[in-house]
Each structure stands twice: as structure tokens, then as C-alpha cells.
Amino acid sequence: MTDRLPIRKNGRPGRVARPGVHRADRVSLERLLSKFGSVSRSGARALIKHGRVMVNGRVSRLNTGRVDPRRDKVSIDGTRIRPEARLYLMLHKPGGVVTTRADELGRPTVYDLLPPGIPWVFPVGRLDRESSGLLLFTNDTKLGEALTNPARHVSKAYLVELDRPLDRDDQRRFQTGNGLKDGTLLRPIRIRHPNVRIPVYEFTLIEGKNRQIRRMCEESGYRVVRLHRIRVGPLLLAGLPPGKTRRLTEAELSSLLSGGSRGAQ
């Protein structure tokens, strides 16, 4: 008896998957090269375009060709690539540094501050040029996606210095959620005011809209003098000097990987 093809919703027969091979296990060749820590995504595209990448002994020129990292043998210039060991770094980003690998204006980037000789890593989220504080780097794409996925509600805490005290009505509006002039809807945030004598507040967000704090404050008539991120999920910046990096401790990594990425609310 022959196996019948599965029927799709449109009434046409579908394909039978190979035993033991799941579509979710297969990724694009471009993604695999960057995921394994060999090159960036743009670097991967260039290698594939110039025929320097082989899959199971054959040259592949398809960026979108899908491969199984567990079964397929992928090589660059004849050397097989293998996954890099997972790396997790915390950087204390100073102000005046951009969160990008290269800057067309020649400004210093966060990659200039990373230790030499480390494998390819990417920043988890961003901090704008004027802002400072905690920035996590890793080559663990699954963890990076989990920490930046809005649906996961990973909290981030910032110290925000304003040019004048925050009005009670504005603080109440920020804490209950509001919208920006361009129609962007914002979730409620938590605000603490540790020292009532100075206009420095602790803002805790569970989403990361582009320049969210600066935009919401400026639209309400406040100038942000300083914006400094002190926490991402359970990770605290305390004790790390500006411009320096360190590896996460075993306890910090365990907290991240075990689902403690939301942090204090």
C-alpha cells in the first residue's frame, strides 16, 4: 500500500517530509553562517555570492537555501565550520558611542570597546548614541530573540535625569500608559523618585519602542539631560566601569536561561 500525500487546505496534495527532518530545524545558509559565529549576515551573503561556501561538498550560491545544522556539512574555502561556544558579555556603554558595527560618519562604535579576538557577537537591543549603560552582547540568537521579543515583557530599568521635576499629572499619565503624537501606543511604565530633591527618576519599561523615554518626555515638555540603563531583566550593571566589558557570571546566565529574563517589575 502506498502512502497518500497529505491534503492542504486548498485541496492540493502537499509534500511528505523526510523522516526525522523537521522544517523548523532547517535555516537559511546565510543565517547559519552568522549563527555559527563565522561572519556577519552581510559577510555571509558575499561569501555565498562568490562561491566560497560549500554544502555537503557542493558549491552553494543560494542565500535562501535551507540547511540542517545537525546533518549538513557546511564549509568556507574548504574548511568546515562548527558552532562557536556560546558567549555572553555585558558592556557598560558610555555616551557618545553608537550601537552599530561600523559607522559611515566615523564615530566610535560599541564594537571598538569589545575585547580583541572574540568571535562574532551581536548587541541585544540598542542604546542611542547619547545614552549610556548596560548593553548585552552574545552569539546566542535564541536568547537574543527572547530578550527582545515584546511578547516576553522583559523589563529594563533606566535612570532618567530631567531638566525639571516631573509634574504629577505627567507622571500619572506615563504610569497608566499613553500615546505619542505619531499614534504610537505605549504600555504603562513604573516610575520611582528616590530623591525628591533632584529630578532623577527610575523608569522601568516592559517594551522597547525606538527612543521611547526621550520621545515621551520631550513631547511633554521635558529635556532629558541623561539617560542611563541600569538593568536588563535580572542583569544589573552595578560595579562595571564605563567602556569596560565582562562575561556574565554563572548565576546571571542561569537566571537568563531559566526564564528569569523578566526581572523585577
C-alpha atoms as a PDB file:
ATOM      1  CA  MET A   1       0.000   0.000   0.000  1.00  0.00           C
ATOM      2  CA  THR A   2       1.427   3.370  -0.980  1.00  0.00           C
ATOM      3  CA  ASP A   3       1.353   6.367   1.337  1.00  0.00           C
ATOM      4  CA  ARG A   4      -1.071   9.058   0.334  1.00  0.00           C
ATOM      5  CA  LEU A   5       0.057  12.652   0.136  1.00  0.00           C
ATOM      6  CA  PRO A   6      -1.373  14.960   2.836  1.00  0.00           C
ATOM      7  CA  ILE A   7      -4.083  17.264   1.559  1.00  0.00           C
ATOM      8  CA  ARG A   8      -3.579  21.017   2.015  1.00  0.00           C
ATOM      9  CA  LYS A   9      -6.434  23.392   2.861  1.00  0.00           C
ATOM     10  CA  ASN A  10      -6.630  24.458  -0.801  1.00  0.00           C
ATOM     11  CA  GLY A  11      -7.341  20.857  -1.820  1.00  0.00           C
ATOM     12  CA  ARG A  12      -3.950  20.228  -3.415  1.00  0.00           C
ATOM     13  CA  PRO A  13      -1.668  17.447  -2.282  1.00  0.00           C
ATOM     14  CA  GLY A  14       1.290  18.510  -0.103  1.00  0.00           C
ATOM     15  CA  ARG A  15       4.761  17.092   0.292  1.00  0.00           C
ATOM     16  CA  VAL A  16       5.711  14.322   2.655  1.00  0.00           C
ATOM     17  CA  ALA A  17       8.518  15.405   4.986  1.00  0.00           C
ATOM     18  CA  ARG A  18      11.577  13.193   5.191  1.00  0.00           C
ATOM     19  CA  PRO A  19      11.568  11.052   8.350  1.00  0.00           C
ATOM     20  CA  GLY A  20      13.484  12.695  11.193  1.00  0.00           C
ATOM     21  CA  VAL A  21      13.820  16.050   9.418  1.00  0.00           C
ATOM     22  CA  HIS A  22      11.611  18.894  10.585  1.00  0.00           C
ATOM     23  CA  ARG A  23      11.200  22.142   8.720  1.00  0.00           C
ATOM     24  CA  ALA A  24      11.793  24.074  11.954  1.00  0.00           C
ATOM     25  CA  ASP A  25      15.288  22.545  12.181  1.00  0.00           C
ATOM     26  CA  ARG A  26      16.339  23.978   8.817  1.00  0.00           C
ATOM     27  CA  VAL A  27      17.636  27.533   8.446  1.00  0.00           C
ATOM     28  CA  SER A  28      18.852  29.655   5.554  1.00  0.00           C
ATOM     29  CA  LEU A  29      22.513  29.230   4.677  1.00  0.00           C
ATOM     30  CA  GLU A  30      23.111  32.929   5.298  1.00  0.00           C
ATOM     31  CA  ARG A  31      21.632  32.664   8.790  1.00  0.00           C
ATOM     32  CA  LEU A  32      23.585  29.517   9.603  1.00  0.00           C
ATOM     33  CA  LEU A  33      26.914  31.161   8.744  1.00  0.00           C
ATOM     34  CA  SER A  34      26.204  34.087  11.046  1.00  0.00           C
ATOM     35  CA  LYS A  35      24.607  31.902  13.714  1.00  0.00           C
ATOM     36  CA  PHE A  36      27.744  29.787  13.890  1.00  0.00           C
ATOM     37  CA  GLY A  37      29.754  32.920  14.596  1.00  0.00           C
ATOM     38  CA  SER A  38      31.782  32.822  11.409  1.00  0.00           C
ATOM     39  CA  VAL A  39      30.724  36.096   9.764  1.00  0.00           C
ATOM     40  CA  SER A  40      28.018  38.740   9.843  1.00  0.00           C
ATOM     41  CA  ARG A  41      24.900  38.354   7.688  1.00  0.00           C
ATOM     42  CA  SER A  42      26.281  40.741   5.041  1.00  0.00           C
ATOM     43  CA  GLY A  43      29.610  38.889   5.091  1.00  0.00           C
ATOM     44  CA  ALA A  44      27.778  35.600   4.620  1.00  0.00           C
ATOM     45  CA  ARG A  45      25.972  36.932   1.545  1.00  0.00           C
ATOM     46  CA  ALA A  46      29.293  37.971  -0.012  1.00  0.00           C
ATOM     47  CA  LEU A  47      30.888  34.562   0.634  1.00  0.00           C
ATOM     48  CA  ILE A  48      27.925  32.742  -0.901  1.00  0.00           C
ATOM     49  CA  LYS A  49      27.824  35.076  -3.906  1.00  0.00           C
ATOM     50  CA  HIS A  50      31.498  34.408  -4.716  1.00  0.00           C
ATOM     51  CA  GLY A  51      31.125  30.628  -4.492  1.00  0.00           C
ATOM     52  CA  ARG A  52      33.254  30.204  -1.387  1.00  0.00           C
ATOM     53  CA  VAL A  53      30.626  28.239   0.541  1.00  0.00           C
ATOM     54  CA  MET A  54      30.004  24.523   0.083  1.00  0.00           C
ATOM     55  CA  VAL A  55      27.166  22.399   1.440  1.00  0.00           C
ATOM     56  CA  ASN A  56      27.810  18.660   1.550  1.00  0.00           C
ATOM     57  CA  GLY A  57      30.689  19.031  -0.896  1.00  0.00           C
ATOM     58  CA  ARG A  58      28.878  21.206  -3.440  1.00  0.00           C
ATOM     59  CA  VAL A  59      29.190  24.941  -4.007  1.00  0.00           C
ATOM     60  CA  SER A  60      26.040  26.785  -2.979  1.00  0.00           C
ATOM     61  CA  ARG A  61      25.159  30.220  -4.323  1.00  0.00           C
ATOM     62  CA  LEU A  62      21.706  30.463  -2.763  1.00  0.00           C
ATOM     63  CA  ASN A  63      21.368  32.828   0.201  1.00  0.00           C
ATOM     64  CA  THR A  64      17.942  31.413   0.927  1.00  0.00           C
ATOM     65  CA  GLY A  65      18.883  27.762   0.506  1.00  0.00           C
ATOM     66  CA  ARG A  66      17.894  25.941   3.682  1.00  0.00           C
ATOM     67  CA  VAL A  67      20.178  23.549   5.524  1.00  0.00           C
ATOM     68  CA  ASP A  68      20.020  21.433   8.659  1.00  0.00           C
ATOM     69  CA  PRO A  69      22.833  22.456  11.050  1.00  0.00           C
ATOM     70  CA  ARG A  70      22.846  18.988  12.640  1.00  0.00           C
ATOM     71  CA  ARG A  71      23.175  16.970   9.436  1.00  0.00           C
ATOM     72  CA  ASP A  72      24.573  19.114   6.625  1.00  0.00           C
ATOM     73  CA  LYS A  73      28.316  19.746   6.292  1.00  0.00           C
ATOM     74  CA  VAL A  74      28.972  23.419   5.553  1.00  0.00           C
ATOM     75  CA  SER A  75      32.436  24.724   4.725  1.00  0.00           C
ATOM     76  CA  ILE A  76      34.065  28.043   3.783  1.00  0.00           C
ATOM     77  CA  ASP A  77      37.067  27.818   1.435  1.00  0.00           C
ATOM     78  CA  GLY A  78      37.249  24.108   2.181  1.00  0.00           C
ATOM     79  CA  THR A  79      37.239  24.449   5.980  1.00  0.00           C
ATOM     80  CA  ARG A  80      34.202  23.066   7.734  1.00  0.00           C
ATOM     81  CA  ILE A  81      32.541  25.494  10.133  1.00  0.00           C
ATOM     82  CA  ARG A  82      31.240  24.478  13.513  1.00  0.00           C
ATOM     83  CA  PRO A  83      29.236  26.338  16.143  1.00  0.00           C
ATOM     84  CA  GLU A  84      31.222  28.734  18.309  1.00  0.00           C
ATOM     85  CA  ALA A  85      30.986  28.295  22.058  1.00  0.00           C
ATOM     86  CA  ARG A  86      28.197  30.429  23.471  1.00  0.00           C
ATOM     87  CA  LEU A  87      29.442  33.811  24.646  1.00  0.00           C
ATOM     88  CA  TYR A  88      27.639  36.302  26.882  1.00  0.00           C
ATOM     89  CA  LEU A  89      29.166  39.720  27.534  1.00  0.00           C
ATOM     90  CA  MET A  90      27.985  42.786  29.429  1.00  0.00           C
ATOM     91  CA  LEU A  91      29.230  46.185  28.244  1.00  0.00           C
ATOM     92  CA  HIS A  92      28.958  49.475  30.102  1.00  0.00           C
ATOM     93  CA  LYS A  93      28.293  51.688  27.098  1.00  0.00           C
ATOM     94  CA  PRO A  94      29.418  55.282  27.568  1.00  0.00           C
ATOM     95  CA  GLY A  95      27.642  58.208  25.945  1.00  0.00           C
ATOM     96  CA  GLY A  96      28.843  59.302  22.509  1.00  0.00           C
ATOM     97  CA  VAL A  97      29.223  55.754  21.169  1.00  0.00           C
ATOM     98  CA  VAL A  98      26.870  54.330  18.543  1.00  0.00           C
ATOM     99  CA  THR A  99      25.382  50.841  18.702  1.00  0.00           C
ATOM    100  CA  THR A 100      26.480  49.543  15.321  1.00  0.00           C
ATOM    101  CA  ARG A 101      29.344  47.537  13.859  1.00  0.00           C
ATOM    102  CA  ALA A 102      30.578  50.331  11.580  1.00  0.00           C
ATOM    103  CA  ASP A 103      29.589  53.979  11.304  1.00  0.00           C
ATOM    104  CA  GLU A 104      29.657  55.870   7.999  1.00  0.00           C
ATOM    105  CA  LEU A 105      30.453  59.102   9.858  1.00  0.00           C
ATOM    106  CA  GLY A 106      33.498  57.588  11.530  1.00  0.00           C
ATOM    107  CA  ARG A 107      32.100  57.836  15.060  1.00  0.00           C
ATOM    108  CA  PRO A 108      33.255  55.331  17.708  1.00  0.00           C
ATOM    109  CA  THR A 109      31.088  52.217  17.960  1.00  0.00           C
ATOM    110  CA  VAL A 110      30.372  49.712  20.701  1.00  0.00           C
ATOM    111  CA  TYR A 111      32.473  47.163  18.800  1.00  0.00           C
ATOM    112  CA  ASP A 112      35.523  49.352  19.370  1.00  0.00           C
ATOM    113  CA  LEU A 113      35.086  48.668  23.089  1.00  0.00           C
ATOM    114  CA  LEU A 114      34.862  44.867  22.908  1.00  0.00           C
ATOM    115  CA  PRO A 115      37.921  42.753  23.782  1.00  0.00           C
ATOM    116  CA  PRO A 116      40.080  41.742  20.794  1.00  0.00           C
ATOM    117  CA  GLY A 117      39.866  38.222  19.441  1.00  0.00           C
ATOM    118  CA  ILE A 118      36.303  37.417  20.472  1.00  0.00           C
ATOM    119  CA  PRO A 119      34.043  35.611  17.963  1.00  0.00           C
ATOM    120  CA  TRP A 120      31.180  37.338  16.197  1.00  0.00           C
ATOM    121  CA  VAL A 121      28.574  38.660  18.648  1.00  0.00           C
ATOM    122  CA  PHE A 122      25.621  40.999  18.316  1.00  0.00           C
ATOM    123  CA  PRO A 123      24.057  43.531  20.711  1.00  0.00           C
ATOM    124  CA  VAL A 124      20.773  42.513  22.318  1.00  0.00           C
ATOM    125  CA  GLY A 125      18.704  45.624  21.737  1.00  0.00           C
ATOM    126  CA  ARG A 126      20.182  49.087  21.357  1.00  0.00           C
ATOM    127  CA  LEU A 127      21.076  52.266  23.186  1.00  0.00           C
ATOM    128  CA  ASP A 128      21.110  55.502  21.218  1.00  0.00           C
ATOM    129  CA  ARG A 129      24.310  57.498  20.873  1.00  0.00           C
ATOM    130  CA  GLU A 130      23.612  59.893  23.763  1.00  0.00           C
ATOM    131  CA  SER A 131      22.529  57.166  26.194  1.00  0.00           C
ATOM    132  CA  SER A 132      24.760  55.066  28.416  1.00  0.00           C
ATOM    133  CA  GLY A 133      24.523  51.912  30.459  1.00  0.00           C
ATOM    134  CA  LEU A 134      24.070  48.171  30.187  1.00  0.00           C
ATOM    135  CA  LEU A 135      24.305  46.537  26.777  1.00  0.00           C
ATOM    136  CA  LEU A 136      24.366  42.754  26.416  1.00  0.00           C
ATOM    137  CA  PHE A 137      26.314  41.012  23.623  1.00  0.00           C
ATOM    138  CA  THR A 138      26.010  37.355  22.652  1.00  0.00           C
ATOM    139  CA  ASN A 139      26.175  34.891  19.760  1.00  0.00           C
ATOM    140  CA  ASP A 140      23.171  33.024  21.177  1.00  0.00           C
ATOM    141  CA  THR A 141      20.471  34.038  18.699  1.00  0.00           C
ATOM    142  CA  LYS A 142      17.647  32.255  20.526  1.00  0.00           C
ATOM    143  CA  LEU A 143      18.359  34.091  23.761  1.00  0.00           C
ATOM    144  CA  GLY A 144      18.740  37.377  21.894  1.00  0.00           C
ATOM    145  CA  GLU A 145      15.355  36.940  20.240  1.00  0.00           C
ATOM    146  CA  ALA A 146      13.733  36.008  23.553  1.00  0.00           C
ATOM    147  CA  LEU A 147      15.080  39.086  25.336  1.00  0.00           C
ATOM    148  CA  THR A 148      13.954  41.482  22.587  1.00  0.00           C
ATOM    149  CA  ASN A 149      10.557  39.908  21.861  1.00  0.00           C
ATOM    150  CA  PRO A 150       7.874  42.388  23.059  1.00  0.00           C
ATOM    151  CA  ALA A 151       5.585  39.490  23.943  1.00  0.00           C
ATOM    152  CA  ARG A 152       8.067  38.295  26.585  1.00  0.00           C
ATOM    153  CA  HIS A 153       7.777  41.564  28.564  1.00  0.00           C
ATOM    154  CA  VAL A 154      11.438  41.637  29.569  1.00  0.00           C
ATOM    155  CA  SER A 155      11.794  44.649  31.848  1.00  0.00           C
ATOM    156  CA  LYS A 156      14.518  47.271  31.521  1.00  0.00           C
ATOM    157  CA  ALA A 157      15.313  49.937  34.103  1.00  0.00           C
ATOM    158  CA  TYR A 158      16.797  53.376  33.414  1.00  0.00           C
ATOM    159  CA  LEU A 159      17.949  56.337  35.461  1.00  0.00           C
ATOM    160  CA  VAL A 160      16.485  59.413  33.789  1.00  0.00           C
ATOM    161  CA  GLU A 161      17.645  62.899  34.672  1.00  0.00           C
ATOM    162  CA  LEU A 162      15.287  65.670  33.515  1.00  0.00           C
ATOM    163  CA  ASP A 163      15.792  69.409  33.285  1.00  0.00           C
ATOM    164  CA  ARG A 164      12.957  69.951  35.792  1.00  0.00           C
ATOM    165  CA  PRO A 165      10.803  67.883  38.162  1.00  0.00           C
ATOM    166  CA  LEU A 166       8.190  65.634  36.600  1.00  0.00           C
ATOM    167  CA  ASP A 167       4.686  67.013  37.016  1.00  0.00           C
ATOM    168  CA  ARG A 168       2.326  64.729  38.941  1.00  0.00           C
ATOM    169  CA  ASP A 169      -0.188  64.621  36.083  1.00  0.00           C
ATOM    170  CA  ASP A 170       2.530  63.711  33.587  1.00  0.00           C
ATOM    171  CA  GLN A 171       3.895  61.034  35.906  1.00  0.00           C
ATOM    172  CA  ARG A 172       0.411  59.569  36.347  1.00  0.00           C
ATOM    173  CA  ARG A 173      -0.102  59.586  32.565  1.00  0.00           C
ATOM    174  CA  PHE A 174       3.210  57.818  31.947  1.00  0.00           C
ATOM    175  CA  GLN A 175       2.366  55.200  34.575  1.00  0.00           C
ATOM    176  CA  THR A 176      -1.068  54.423  33.129  1.00  0.00           C
ATOM    177  CA  GLY A 177       0.061  54.321  29.502  1.00  0.00           C
ATOM    178  CA  ASN A 178      -0.270  56.927  26.816  1.00  0.00           C
ATOM    179  CA  GLY A 179       0.214  57.570  23.135  1.00  0.00           C
ATOM    180  CA  LEU A 180       2.726  59.648  21.208  1.00  0.00           C
ATOM    181  CA  LYS A 181       1.780  62.302  18.671  1.00  0.00           C
ATOM    182  CA  ASP A 182       2.562  59.947  15.786  1.00  0.00           C
ATOM    183  CA  GLY A 183      -0.020  57.456  17.083  1.00  0.00           C
ATOM    184  CA  THR A 184       2.434  55.098  18.777  1.00  0.00           C
ATOM    185  CA  LEU A 185       0.776  53.442  21.779  1.00  0.00           C
ATOM    186  CA  LEU A 186       2.908  52.930  24.884  1.00  0.00           C
ATOM    187  CA  ARG A 187       2.441  50.464  27.698  1.00  0.00           C
ATOM    188  CA  PRO A 188       2.344  51.728  31.280  1.00  0.00           C
ATOM    189  CA  ILE A 189       5.760  52.175  32.909  1.00  0.00           C
ATOM    190  CA  ARG A 190       6.876  52.131  36.516  1.00  0.00           C
ATOM    191  CA  ILE A 191       8.400  55.334  37.905  1.00  0.00           C
ATOM    192  CA  ARG A 192      10.335  55.743  41.146  1.00  0.00           C
ATOM    193  CA  HIS A 193      11.709  59.000  42.508  1.00  0.00           C
ATOM    194  CA  PRO A 194      14.424  58.021  45.028  1.00  0.00           C
ATOM    195  CA  ASN A 195      15.451  61.584  45.896  1.00  0.00           C
ATOM    196  CA  VAL A 196      12.720  64.229  45.746  1.00  0.00           C
ATOM    197  CA  ARG A 197      15.328  66.999  45.840  1.00  0.00           C
ATOM    198  CA  ILE A 198      16.668  66.260  42.348  1.00  0.00           C
ATOM    199  CA  PRO A 199      14.822  65.451  39.072  1.00  0.00           C
ATOM    200  CA  VAL A 200      16.340  61.983  38.642  1.00  0.00           C
ATOM    201  CA  TYR A 201      13.844  59.134  38.186  1.00  0.00           C
ATOM    202  CA  GLU A 202      13.982  55.400  37.721  1.00  0.00           C
ATOM    203  CA  PHE A 203      11.854  54.337  34.747  1.00  0.00           C
ATOM    204  CA  THR A 204      11.078  50.638  34.288  1.00  0.00           C
ATOM    205  CA  LEU A 205       9.725  49.566  30.875  1.00  0.00           C
ATOM    206  CA  ILE A 206       8.456  46.257  29.558  1.00  0.00           C
ATOM    207  CA  GLU A 207       8.737  47.281  25.927  1.00  0.00           C
ATOM    208  CA  GLY A 208      11.428  48.975  23.900  1.00  0.00           C
ATOM    209  CA  LYS A 209       9.976  51.369  21.359  1.00  0.00           C
ATOM    210  CA  ASN A 210      12.573  53.428  19.483  1.00  0.00           C
ATOM    211  CA  ARG A 211      13.860  56.250  21.763  1.00  0.00           C
ATOM    212  CA  GLN A 212      10.721  55.756  23.843  1.00  0.00           C
ATOM    213  CA  ILE A 213      11.749  57.603  27.004  1.00  0.00           C
ATOM    214  CA  ARG A 214      13.216  60.565  25.167  1.00  0.00           C
ATOM    215  CA  ARG A 215      10.200  60.898  22.893  1.00  0.00           C
ATOM    216  CA  MET A 216       7.577  60.697  25.644  1.00  0.00           C
ATOM    217  CA  CYS A 217       9.427  63.179  27.859  1.00  0.00           C
ATOM    218  CA  GLU A 218      10.185  65.668  25.077  1.00  0.00           C
ATOM    219  CA  GLU A 219       6.598  65.615  23.818  1.00  0.00           C
ATOM    220  CA  SER A 220       5.517  66.555  27.362  1.00  0.00           C
ATOM    221  CA  GLY A 221       7.950  69.475  27.519  1.00  0.00           C
ATOM    222  CA  TYR A 222      10.891  67.915  29.369  1.00  0.00           C
ATOM    223  CA  ARG A 223      14.501  67.757  28.246  1.00  0.00           C
ATOM    224  CA  VAL A 224      16.315  64.506  29.029  1.00  0.00           C
ATOM    225  CA  VAL A 225      19.682  65.526  30.476  1.00  0.00           C
ATOM    226  CA  ARG A 226      20.924  61.964  30.985  1.00  0.00           C
ATOM    227  CA  LEU A 227      19.584  58.503  30.167  1.00  0.00           C
ATOM    228  CA  HIS A 228      21.380  55.543  31.734  1.00  0.00           C
ATOM    229  CA  ARG A 229      20.268  51.885  31.600  1.00  0.00           C
ATOM    230  CA  ILE A 230      20.973  50.061  34.862  1.00  0.00           C
ATOM    231  CA  ARG A 231      19.185  46.742  34.342  1.00  0.00           C
ATOM    232  CA  VAL A 232      18.001  44.307  31.666  1.00  0.00           C
ATOM    233  CA  GLY A 233      15.849  41.513  33.050  1.00  0.00           C
ATOM    234  CA  PRO A 234      17.832  40.144  36.026  1.00  0.00           C
ATOM    235  CA  LEU A 235      21.152  41.640  34.861  1.00  0.00           C
ATOM    236  CA  LEU A 236      22.483  44.586  36.866  1.00  0.00           C
ATOM    237  CA  LEU A 237      25.162  46.983  35.637  1.00  0.00           C
ATOM    238  CA  ALA A 238      26.415  47.889  39.117  1.00  0.00           C
ATOM    239  CA  GLY A 239      30.194  47.830  39.529  1.00  0.00           C
ATOM    240  CA  LEU A 240      31.212  47.781  35.859  1.00  0.00           C
ATOM    241  CA  PRO A 241      33.180  50.933  34.829  1.00  0.00           C
ATOM    242  CA  PRO A 242      32.222  52.860  31.667  1.00  0.00           C
ATOM    243  CA  GLY A 243      33.721  51.402  28.480  1.00  0.00           C
ATOM    244  CA  LYS A 244      34.501  48.059  30.117  1.00  0.00           C
ATOM    245  CA  THR A 245      33.107  44.589  29.451  1.00  0.00           C
ATOM    246  CA  ARG A 246      32.858  41.368  31.422  1.00  0.00           C
ATOM    247  CA  ARG A 247      31.453  37.903  30.931  1.00  0.00           C
ATOM    248  CA  LEU A 248      28.217  37.061  32.676  1.00  0.00           C
ATOM    249  CA  THR A 249      28.561  35.055  35.844  1.00  0.00           C
ATOM    250  CA  GLU A 250      27.191  31.521  36.057  1.00  0.00           C
ATOM    251  CA  ALA A 251      24.387  32.779  38.296  1.00  0.00           C
ATOM    252  CA  GLU A 252      23.445  35.544  35.833  1.00  0.00           C
ATOM    253  CA  LEU A 253      23.496  33.179  32.889  1.00  0.00           C
ATOM    254  CA  SER A 254      21.451  30.598  34.766  1.00  0.00           C
ATOM    255  CA  SER A 255      18.858  33.260  35.590  1.00  0.00           C
ATOM    256  CA  LEU A 256      18.595  34.278  31.939  1.00  0.00           C
ATOM    257  CA  LEU A 257      18.373  30.752  30.571  1.00  0.00           C
ATOM    258  CA  SER A 258      15.901  29.525  33.197  1.00  0.00           C
ATOM    259  CA  GLY A 259      13.280  32.095  32.315  1.00  0.00           C
ATOM    260  CA  GLY A 260      14.218  34.815  34.770  1.00  0.00           C
ATOM    261  CA  SER A 261      14.624  37.303  31.970  1.00  0.00           C
ATOM    262  CA  ARG A 262      11.690  39.461  33.036  1.00  0.00           C
ATOM    263  CA  GLY A 263      13.488  40.792  36.074  1.00  0.00           C
ATOM    264  CA  ALA A 264      11.941  42.894  38.811  1.00  0.00           C
ATOM    265  CA  GLN A 265       8.684  44.557  37.878  1.00  0.00           C
END
